[in-house]
Amino acid sequence: MYFLCDDIDRIARDIVVHMQIKQELERLGLSFVTVKMTFENTATGRFSEGIMALQAEFFRRQNAERVFSRQHARLMDGYWPWFPPLGYQQVKSAHG
């Protein structure tokens, strides 16, 4: 039996969580496959899967760093980059 995902980053974007889920699937007798590729239970297949899972984690962390950096820059420019607190509204001023 198989556990089918669209892509490897759909199961988890953290290498530790990915491996925990993979172990649980194996315990249940399921093989993890994606629509885009199948990972063989060989040294090369496990290496490829690990690299791709680690790449998904890297992209998640990199995106979080970019979001934080951009939010911080907006704050330094005097803008509130999030939704306003309850009861407040964001309005455009004549100066910006």
N, C-alpha and C. Protein backbone atom coordinates (compact mmCIF):
# COMPACT_ATOMS: atom_id res chain seq x y z
N MET A 1 0.85 -1.18 0.00
CA MET A 1 0.00 0.00 0.00
C MET A 1 0.88 1.23 0.00
N TYR A 2 0.31 2.33 -0.47
CA TYR A 2 1.08 3.55 -0.65
C TYR A 2 0.43 4.72 0.06
N PHE A 3 1.27 5.65 0.48
CA PHE A 3 0.83 6.96 0.96
C PHE A 3 1.27 7.94 -0.11
N LEU A 4 0.33 8.54 -0.82
CA LEU A 4 0.62 9.39 -1.98
C LEU A 4 0.49 10.86 -1.62
N CYS A 5 1.52 11.63 -1.96
CA CYS A 5 1.52 13.08 -1.79
C CYS A 5 1.81 13.73 -3.14
N ASP A 6 1.38 14.96 -3.29
CA ASP A 6 1.66 15.71 -4.51
C ASP A 6 3.17 15.90 -4.69
N ASP A 7 3.84 16.33 -3.64
CA ASP A 7 5.29 16.56 -3.69
C ASP A 7 5.84 16.34 -2.29
N ILE A 8 7.14 16.20 -2.18
CA ILE A 8 7.75 15.86 -0.90
C ILE A 8 7.53 16.96 0.14
N ASP A 9 7.45 18.21 -0.28
CA ASP A 9 7.27 19.29 0.69
C ASP A 9 5.84 19.40 1.19
N ARG A 10 4.94 18.57 0.68
CA ARG A 10 3.56 18.56 1.17
C ARG A 10 3.41 17.74 2.44
N ILE A 11 4.35 16.84 2.70
CA ILE A 11 4.25 16.01 3.90
C ILE A 11 4.81 16.75 5.11
N ALA A 12 5.91 17.46 4.93
CA ALA A 12 6.51 18.25 6.02
C ALA A 12 7.58 19.16 5.42
N ARG A 13 7.80 20.26 6.08
CA ARG A 13 8.88 21.17 5.67
C ARG A 13 9.91 21.29 6.77
N ASP A 14 10.10 20.18 7.46
CA ASP A 14 11.09 20.06 8.52
C ASP A 14 11.65 18.65 8.41
N ILE A 15 12.97 18.51 8.29
CA ILE A 15 13.59 17.22 8.05
C ILE A 15 13.28 16.23 9.17
N VAL A 16 13.28 16.69 10.42
CA VAL A 16 13.00 15.78 11.55
C VAL A 16 11.56 15.28 11.48
N VAL A 17 10.63 16.17 11.23
CA VAL A 17 9.22 15.78 11.14
C VAL A 17 9.01 14.85 9.95
N HIS A 18 9.67 15.15 8.84
CA HIS A 18 9.56 14.29 7.66
C HIS A 18 9.97 12.86 8.00
N MET A 19 11.11 12.74 8.66
CA MET A 19 11.61 11.40 8.99
C MET A 19 10.71 10.69 10.01
N GLN A 20 10.13 11.45 10.95
CA GLN A 20 9.20 10.84 11.90
C GLN A 20 7.96 10.32 11.19
N ILE A 21 7.43 11.11 10.27
CA ILE A 21 6.26 10.68 9.51
C ILE A 21 6.60 9.47 8.65
N LYS A 22 7.77 9.52 8.03
CA LYS A 22 8.22 8.40 7.18
C LYS A 22 8.33 7.11 8.00
N GLN A 23 8.90 7.19 9.19
CA GLN A 23 9.01 6.01 10.06
C GLN A 23 7.64 5.48 10.45
N GLU A 24 6.71 6.37 10.75
CA GLU A 24 5.35 5.95 11.11
C GLU A 24 4.66 5.29 9.92
N LEU A 25 4.84 5.84 8.74
CA LEU A 25 4.26 5.22 7.54
C LEU A 25 4.82 3.83 7.33
N GLU A 26 6.15 3.68 7.50
CA GLU A 26 6.78 2.37 7.35
C GLU A 26 6.26 1.39 8.40
N ARG A 27 6.05 1.89 9.62
CA ARG A 27 5.51 1.04 10.69
C ARG A 27 4.12 0.53 10.34
N LEU A 28 3.36 1.37 9.64
CA LEU A 28 2.01 0.99 9.21
C LEU A 28 2.00 0.17 7.93
N GLY A 29 3.18 -0.06 7.37
CA GLY A 29 3.28 -0.85 6.14
C GLY A 29 3.00 -0.07 4.87
N LEU A 30 3.12 1.25 4.94
CA LEU A 30 2.86 2.10 3.78
C LEU A 30 4.16 2.58 3.17
N SER A 31 4.20 2.67 1.86
CA SER A 31 5.34 3.24 1.14
C SER A 31 5.00 4.67 0.78
N PHE A 32 5.93 5.58 1.02
CA PHE A 32 5.73 6.99 0.71
C PHE A 32 6.13 7.25 -0.74
N VAL A 33 5.20 7.75 -1.53
CA VAL A 33 5.49 8.11 -2.92
C VAL A 33 4.88 9.48 -3.19
N THR A 34 5.46 10.18 -4.15
CA THR A 34 4.91 11.46 -4.57
C THR A 34 4.46 11.33 -6.01
N VAL A 35 3.62 12.25 -6.43
CA VAL A 35 3.15 12.27 -7.82
C VAL A 35 4.34 12.47 -8.75
N LYS A 36 5.30 13.28 -8.31
CA LYS A 36 6.41 13.64 -9.17
C LYS A 36 7.54 12.63 -9.17
N MET A 37 7.70 11.85 -8.08
CA MET A 37 8.77 10.87 -8.06
C MET A 37 8.55 9.83 -6.98
N THR A 38 9.21 8.71 -7.14
CA THR A 38 9.18 7.63 -6.15
C THR A 38 10.58 7.46 -5.61
N PHE A 39 10.69 7.30 -4.31
CA PHE A 39 11.99 7.12 -3.67
C PHE A 39 12.19 5.64 -3.38
N GLU A 40 13.21 5.07 -3.98
CA GLU A 40 13.50 3.66 -3.74
C GLU A 40 14.11 3.48 -2.36
N ASN A 41 13.95 2.28 -1.82
CA ASN A 41 14.52 1.97 -0.52
C ASN A 41 15.97 1.49 -0.70
N THR A 42 16.77 2.36 -1.29
CA THR A 42 18.20 2.10 -1.50
C THR A 42 18.97 3.25 -0.88
N ALA A 43 20.26 3.12 -0.80
CA ALA A 43 21.09 4.21 -0.26
C ALA A 43 20.88 5.48 -1.07
N THR A 44 20.86 5.35 -2.37
CA THR A 44 20.68 6.51 -3.24
C THR A 44 19.28 7.10 -3.09
N GLY A 45 18.27 6.24 -3.04
CA GLY A 45 16.89 6.71 -2.89
C GLY A 45 16.67 7.43 -1.58
N ARG A 46 17.19 6.88 -0.50
CA ARG A 46 17.03 7.52 0.82
C ARG A 46 17.82 8.83 0.89
N PHE A 47 19.00 8.85 0.26
CA PHE A 47 19.79 10.08 0.21
C PHE A 47 19.03 11.17 -0.55
N SER A 48 18.49 10.81 -1.72
CA SER A 48 17.74 11.78 -2.52
C SER A 48 16.53 12.32 -1.77
N GLU A 49 15.81 11.43 -1.11
CA GLU A 49 14.64 11.85 -0.33
C GLU A 49 15.06 12.80 0.80
N GLY A 50 16.14 12.46 1.50
CA GLY A 50 16.63 13.31 2.59
C GLY A 50 17.05 14.68 2.10
N ILE A 51 17.75 14.72 0.97
CA ILE A 51 18.17 16.01 0.41
C ILE A 51 16.96 16.85 0.02
N MET A 52 15.96 16.22 -0.60
CA MET A 52 14.77 16.97 -1.01
C MET A 52 13.97 17.45 0.21
N ALA A 53 13.89 16.63 1.25
CA ALA A 53 13.20 17.04 2.47
C ALA A 53 13.96 18.19 3.14
N LEU A 54 15.28 18.11 3.14
CA LEU A 54 16.10 19.18 3.72
C LEU A 54 15.98 20.46 2.90
N GLN A 55 15.86 20.32 1.58
CA GLN A 55 15.68 21.48 0.72
C GLN A 55 14.34 22.17 1.02
N ALA A 56 13.29 21.37 1.27
CA ALA A 56 11.99 21.95 1.62
C ALA A 56 12.10 22.74 2.92
N GLU A 57 12.85 22.21 3.90
CA GLU A 57 13.05 22.93 5.15
C GLU A 57 13.83 24.21 4.91
N PHE A 58 14.87 24.14 4.07
CA PHE A 58 15.67 25.32 3.75
C PHE A 58 14.80 26.41 3.15
N PHE A 59 13.96 26.06 2.17
CA PHE A 59 13.10 27.06 1.53
C PHE A 59 12.13 27.67 2.53
N ARG A 60 11.59 26.85 3.44
CA ARG A 60 10.67 27.37 4.47
C ARG A 60 11.39 28.37 5.37
N ARG A 61 12.58 28.00 5.83
CA ARG A 61 13.33 28.90 6.70
C ARG A 61 13.77 30.17 5.98
N GLN A 62 14.20 30.02 4.73
CA GLN A 62 14.62 31.18 3.94
C GLN A 62 13.46 32.14 3.73
N ASN A 63 12.28 31.60 3.45
CA ASN A 63 11.10 32.44 3.27
C ASN A 63 10.75 33.17 4.56
N ALA A 64 10.84 32.48 5.70
CA ALA A 64 10.56 33.11 6.99
C ALA A 64 11.53 34.26 7.25
N GLU A 65 12.81 34.07 6.91
CA GLU A 65 13.79 35.14 7.09
C GLU A 65 13.47 36.34 6.21
N ARG A 66 13.05 36.09 4.97
CA ARG A 66 12.70 37.20 4.07
C ARG A 66 11.49 37.95 4.59
N VAL A 67 10.48 37.22 5.04
CA VAL A 67 9.27 37.86 5.56
C VAL A 67 9.62 38.72 6.77
N PHE A 68 10.40 38.16 7.70
CA PHE A 68 10.80 38.92 8.89
C PHE A 68 11.58 40.18 8.50
N SER A 69 12.51 40.03 7.57
CA SER A 69 13.33 41.16 7.14
C SER A 69 12.47 42.27 6.52
N ARG A 70 11.51 41.88 5.70
CA ARG A 70 10.65 42.87 5.05
C ARG A 70 9.72 43.54 6.05
N GLN A 71 9.20 42.76 7.00
CA GLN A 71 8.35 43.34 8.03
C GLN A 71 9.15 44.32 8.89
N HIS A 72 10.36 43.95 9.23
CA HIS A 72 11.22 44.82 10.03
C HIS A 72 11.52 46.12 9.27
N ALA A 73 11.80 46.01 7.98
CA ALA A 73 12.07 47.20 7.17
C ALA A 73 10.85 48.12 7.13
N ARG A 74 9.66 47.53 7.01
CA ARG A 74 8.44 48.35 7.01
C ARG A 74 8.27 49.07 8.35
N LEU A 75 8.56 48.36 9.46
CA LEU A 75 8.48 48.99 10.77
C LEU A 75 9.46 50.15 10.88
N MET A 76 10.67 49.95 10.39
CA MET A 76 11.69 51.01 10.45
C MET A 76 11.30 52.21 9.60
N ASP A 77 10.48 51.97 8.56
CA ASP A 77 10.00 53.07 7.72
C ASP A 77 8.74 53.72 8.29
N GLY A 78 8.28 53.24 9.45
CA GLY A 78 7.13 53.85 10.10
C GLY A 78 5.79 53.23 9.76
N TYR A 79 5.79 52.07 9.14
CA TYR A 79 4.54 51.40 8.77
C TYR A 79 4.29 50.21 9.67
N TRP A 80 3.04 49.89 9.88
CA TRP A 80 2.65 48.70 10.62
C TRP A 80 2.31 47.62 9.58
N PRO A 81 3.17 46.58 9.44
CA PRO A 81 2.99 45.64 8.33
C PRO A 81 1.94 44.55 8.55
N TRP A 82 1.26 44.54 9.69
CA TRP A 82 0.28 43.50 9.99
C TRP A 82 -1.12 44.10 9.99
N PHE A 83 -2.11 43.24 10.19
CA PHE A 83 -3.47 43.75 10.33
C PHE A 83 -3.52 44.65 11.57
N PRO A 84 -4.33 45.69 11.52
CA PRO A 84 -4.41 46.57 12.69
C PRO A 84 -5.07 45.85 13.86
N PRO A 85 -4.75 46.26 15.08
CA PRO A 85 -5.41 45.67 16.26
C PRO A 85 -6.92 45.89 16.20
N LEU A 86 -7.65 45.06 16.90
CA LEU A 86 -9.10 45.14 16.92
C LEU A 86 -9.55 46.55 17.30
N GLY A 87 -10.42 47.11 16.49
CA GLY A 87 -10.96 48.44 16.76
C GLY A 87 -10.21 49.55 16.02
N TYR A 88 -9.10 49.22 15.37
CA TYR A 88 -8.31 50.21 14.62
C TYR A 88 -8.45 49.95 13.13
N GLN A 89 -8.18 50.97 12.34
CA GLN A 89 -8.22 50.85 10.88
C GLN A 89 -6.91 51.37 10.32
N GLN A 90 -6.47 50.77 9.21
CA GLN A 90 -5.32 51.33 8.50
C GLN A 90 -5.86 52.32 7.49
N VAL A 91 -5.29 53.51 7.49
CA VAL A 91 -5.68 54.53 6.52
C VAL A 91 -4.42 55.10 5.90
N LYS A 92 -4.52 55.48 4.65
CA LYS A 92 -3.38 56.09 3.97
C LYS A 92 -3.35 57.57 4.36
N SER A 93 -2.16 58.01 4.73
CA SER A 93 -2.05 59.44 5.05
C SER A 93 -1.66 60.21 3.78
N ALA A 94 -1.77 61.49 3.84
CA ALA A 94 -1.40 62.33 2.69
C ALA A 94 0.10 62.30 2.46
N HIS A 95 0.86 61.84 3.47
CA HIS A 95 2.32 61.86 3.37
C HIS A 95 2.91 60.53 2.93
N GLY A 96 2.14 59.49 2.75
CA GLY A 96 2.80 58.25 2.42
C GLY A 96 1.96 57.22 1.87
